[in-house]
Protein backbone atom coordinates (compact mmCIF):
# COMPACT_ATOMS: atom_id res chain seq x y z
CA UNK A 1 -8.14 130.62 184.06
CA UNK A 2 -5.16 129.62 181.95
CA UNK A 3 -6.19 127.42 179.00
CA UNK A 4 -4.11 124.35 179.84
CA UNK A 5 -5.27 124.41 183.45
CA UNK A 6 -8.87 124.70 182.21
CA UNK A 7 -8.40 121.74 179.87
CA UNK A 8 -6.95 119.54 182.64
CA UNK A 9 -9.87 120.43 184.89
CA UNK A 10 -12.42 119.39 182.26
CA UNK A 11 -10.53 116.15 181.56
CA UNK A 12 -10.87 115.39 185.25
CA UNK A 13 -14.54 116.36 185.57
CA UNK A 14 -15.98 115.11 182.27
CA UNK A 15 -15.85 111.78 180.42
CA UNK A 16 -13.56 111.36 177.38
CA UNK A 17 -14.99 112.22 173.96
CA UNK A 18 -15.26 110.04 170.89
CA UNK A 19 -12.38 110.71 168.50
CA UNK A 20 -9.83 111.32 171.23
CA UNK A 21 -7.64 108.58 169.76
CA UNK A 22 -8.27 109.28 166.06
CA UNK A 23 -4.74 110.57 165.57
CA UNK A 24 -1.93 108.05 165.32
CA UNK A 25 0.72 110.40 166.73
CA UNK A 26 -1.17 111.80 169.75
CA UNK A 27 -3.17 109.56 172.02
CA UNK A 28 -5.87 110.64 174.42
CA UNK A 29 -6.58 114.17 173.14
CA UNK A 30 -8.12 116.39 175.84
CA UNK A 31 -11.93 116.56 175.80
CA UNK A 32 -12.15 120.30 175.32
CA UNK A 33 -11.72 122.80 172.51
CA UNK A 34 -8.01 123.06 171.66
CA UNK A 35 -8.34 126.83 171.26
CA UNK A 36 -10.41 128.17 174.18
CA UNK A 37 -10.28 125.10 176.43
CA UNK A 38 -14.02 124.90 177.06
CA UNK A 39 -15.84 121.55 176.76
CA UNK A 40 -17.94 122.53 173.75
CA UNK A 41 -17.19 119.67 171.34
CA UNK A 42 -19.18 116.46 170.86
CA UNK A 43 -16.10 114.64 169.56
CA UNK A 44 -12.42 115.33 168.89
CA UNK A 45 -10.67 115.50 165.51
CA UNK A 46 -13.95 115.26 163.62
CA UNK A 47 -14.45 118.89 162.58
CA UNK A 48 -16.86 119.90 165.34
CA UNK A 49 -17.03 123.67 165.73
CA UNK A 50 -16.68 125.20 169.19
CA UNK A 51 -19.75 127.28 169.98
CA UNK A 52 -17.72 129.70 172.08
CA UNK A 53 -14.67 130.56 169.93
CA UNK A 54 -15.75 129.06 166.55
CA UNK A 55 -12.54 127.01 166.10
CA UNK A 56 -13.11 123.95 163.92
CA UNK A 57 -11.47 120.93 165.52
CA UNK A 58 -9.49 119.23 162.78
CA UNK A 59 -7.34 117.35 165.30
CA UNK A 60 -4.69 120.04 165.70
CA UNK A 61 -3.78 120.49 169.33
CA UNK A 62 -1.18 121.97 171.67
CA UNK A 63 1.69 120.04 170.07
CA UNK A 64 1.18 121.97 166.80
CA UNK A 65 -0.23 125.20 168.19
CA UNK A 66 2.04 127.35 166.01
CA UNK A 67 1.36 125.50 162.74
CA UNK A 68 -0.91 127.02 160.12
CA UNK A 69 -2.65 124.11 158.43
CA UNK A 70 -5.02 126.00 156.18
CA UNK A 71 -8.20 124.01 155.81
CA UNK A 72 -11.19 124.89 157.96
CA UNK A 73 -9.35 127.42 160.14
CA UNK A 74 -7.80 129.28 157.22
CA UNK A 75 -4.58 131.11 157.83
CA UNK A 76 -4.68 130.76 161.61
CA UNK A 77 -2.59 128.68 163.94
CA UNK A 78 -4.09 127.87 167.32
CA UNK A 79 -1.84 130.51 168.92
CA UNK A 80 -2.71 133.30 166.47
CA UNK A 81 -6.43 132.60 166.74
CA UNK A 82 -6.17 132.49 170.54
CA UNK A 83 -4.74 136.01 170.47
CA UNK A 84 -7.59 137.25 168.30
CA UNK A 85 -10.21 135.50 170.41
CA UNK A 86 -8.74 136.67 173.73
CA UNK A 87 -8.80 140.29 172.47
CA UNK A 88 -12.48 139.92 171.61
CA UNK A 89 -13.24 138.48 175.06
CA UNK A 90 -11.32 141.30 176.78
CA UNK A 91 -13.20 143.88 174.71
CA UNK A 92 -16.50 142.26 175.66
CA UNK A 93 -15.57 142.12 179.36
CA UNK A 94 -14.64 145.81 179.30
CA UNK A 95 -17.75 146.91 177.40
CA UNK A 96 -19.68 149.63 179.19
CA UNK A 97 -22.25 150.64 176.59
CA UNK A 98 -25.99 150.20 176.55
CA UNK A 99 -26.60 147.60 173.83
CA UNK A 100 -28.49 144.84 175.62
CA UNK A 101 -27.22 141.89 173.54
CA UNK A 102 -23.59 142.83 174.19
CA UNK A 103 -24.28 143.44 177.87
CA UNK A 104 -25.99 140.06 178.16
CA UNK A 105 -23.02 138.32 176.53
CA UNK A 106 -20.62 140.27 178.76
CA UNK A 107 -22.49 139.15 181.89
CA UNK A 108 -22.56 135.53 180.67
CA UNK A 109 -18.79 135.54 180.10
CA UNK A 110 -18.09 137.10 183.49
CA UNK A 111 -20.33 134.56 185.21
CA UNK A 112 -18.58 131.70 183.38
CA UNK A 113 -15.21 132.92 184.64
CA UNK A 114 -16.53 133.22 188.18
CA UNK A 115 -18.08 129.74 188.10
CA UNK A 116 -14.96 128.22 186.57
CA UNK A 117 -12.86 129.24 189.56
CA UNK A 118 -14.94 127.06 191.90
CA UNK A 119 -15.82 124.25 189.52
CA UNK A 120 -16.38 120.76 190.93
CA UNK A 121 -18.39 117.63 190.23
CA UNK A 122 -21.24 119.18 192.23
CA UNK A 123 -21.69 122.23 190.02
CA UNK A 124 -20.49 121.01 186.61
CA UNK A 125 -24.09 120.70 185.32
CA UNK A 126 -24.91 124.34 186.10
CA UNK A 127 -21.59 125.39 184.56
CA UNK A 128 -22.38 123.47 181.36
CA UNK A 129 -25.81 125.16 181.19
CA UNK A 130 -24.15 128.59 181.54
CA UNK A 131 -21.59 127.62 178.88
CA UNK A 132 -24.38 126.75 176.43
CA UNK A 133 -26.10 130.08 177.20
CA UNK A 134 -22.85 131.96 176.54
CA UNK A 135 -22.43 129.99 173.31
CA UNK A 136 -25.91 130.94 172.11
CA UNK A 137 -25.25 134.60 172.93
CA UNK A 138 -21.86 134.43 171.18
CA UNK A 139 -23.60 133.05 168.09
CA UNK A 140 -26.04 135.98 168.09
CA UNK A 141 -23.18 138.43 168.59
CA UNK A 142 -21.05 136.92 165.82
CA UNK A 143 -23.92 137.11 163.32
CA UNK A 144 -24.82 140.75 163.98
CA UNK A 145 -23.71 143.06 161.23
CA UNK A 146 -24.94 146.58 162.03
CA UNK A 147 -22.30 149.11 163.00
CA UNK A 148 -22.41 149.94 166.68
CA UNK A 149 -20.45 151.80 169.30
CA UNK A 150 -18.55 149.45 171.53
CA UNK A 151 -16.08 150.10 174.34
CA UNK A 152 -14.64 153.10 176.11
CA UNK A 153 -11.13 153.87 174.78
CA UNK A 154 -10.61 156.68 172.27
CA UNK A 155 -9.80 154.67 169.16
CA UNK A 156 -11.36 152.82 166.29
CA UNK A 157 -10.79 149.16 165.67
CA UNK A 158 -12.12 146.56 163.31
CA UNK A 159 -13.41 143.38 164.90
CA UNK A 160 -14.32 140.37 162.85
CA UNK A 161 -17.86 139.31 163.61
CA UNK A 162 -17.51 136.16 161.55
CA UNK A 163 -14.29 135.06 163.27
CA UNK A 164 -12.34 135.11 160.05
CA UNK A 165 -10.61 137.85 158.11
CA UNK A 166 -12.97 138.03 155.14
CA UNK A 167 -13.77 141.71 154.49
CA UNK A 168 -17.52 141.11 154.71
CA UNK A 169 -17.10 139.83 158.26
CA UNK A 170 -15.61 143.04 159.61
CA UNK A 171 -17.40 145.95 161.13
CA UNK A 172 -16.01 149.11 162.56
CA UNK A 173 -16.41 149.45 166.30
CA UNK A 174 -15.98 153.02 167.43
CA UNK A 175 -14.25 153.25 170.76
CA UNK A 176 -14.93 156.60 172.36
């Protein structure tokens, strides 16, 4: 689902978050992560970290999606980090290896997408439980450091497992 559509859906289905009016220039910030659009934050503009994409919510939102503010999100704008995160999600969805932790995360992401397409007030609680499960699996995945084979194309890439570009957070994933 497209991010802005996802955010509107969660604004409709979930109550507003504390901090939504902390900014003087933007009122009524959406109640979801400004990067991935999932409702993973306890408050807005108060430096909560999304447990799915790891974006730290410093109050930046769609209006400044191309600005690089530095601070907690380093040299990323919302748009540039979205690109990086969406590539990781696509790689995970296309994974066809035999590492159980990656397969479990892959299945959790695919189920989230399936559930999201039929989301309503009746099934929001089960969706939120699945979202938390995917977040926990993403945390495990992002902390793993051993080199592993991942994917099916014939190429090598480097994927940040710490969601930033520090050299110690990169591992080589051999696509074969």
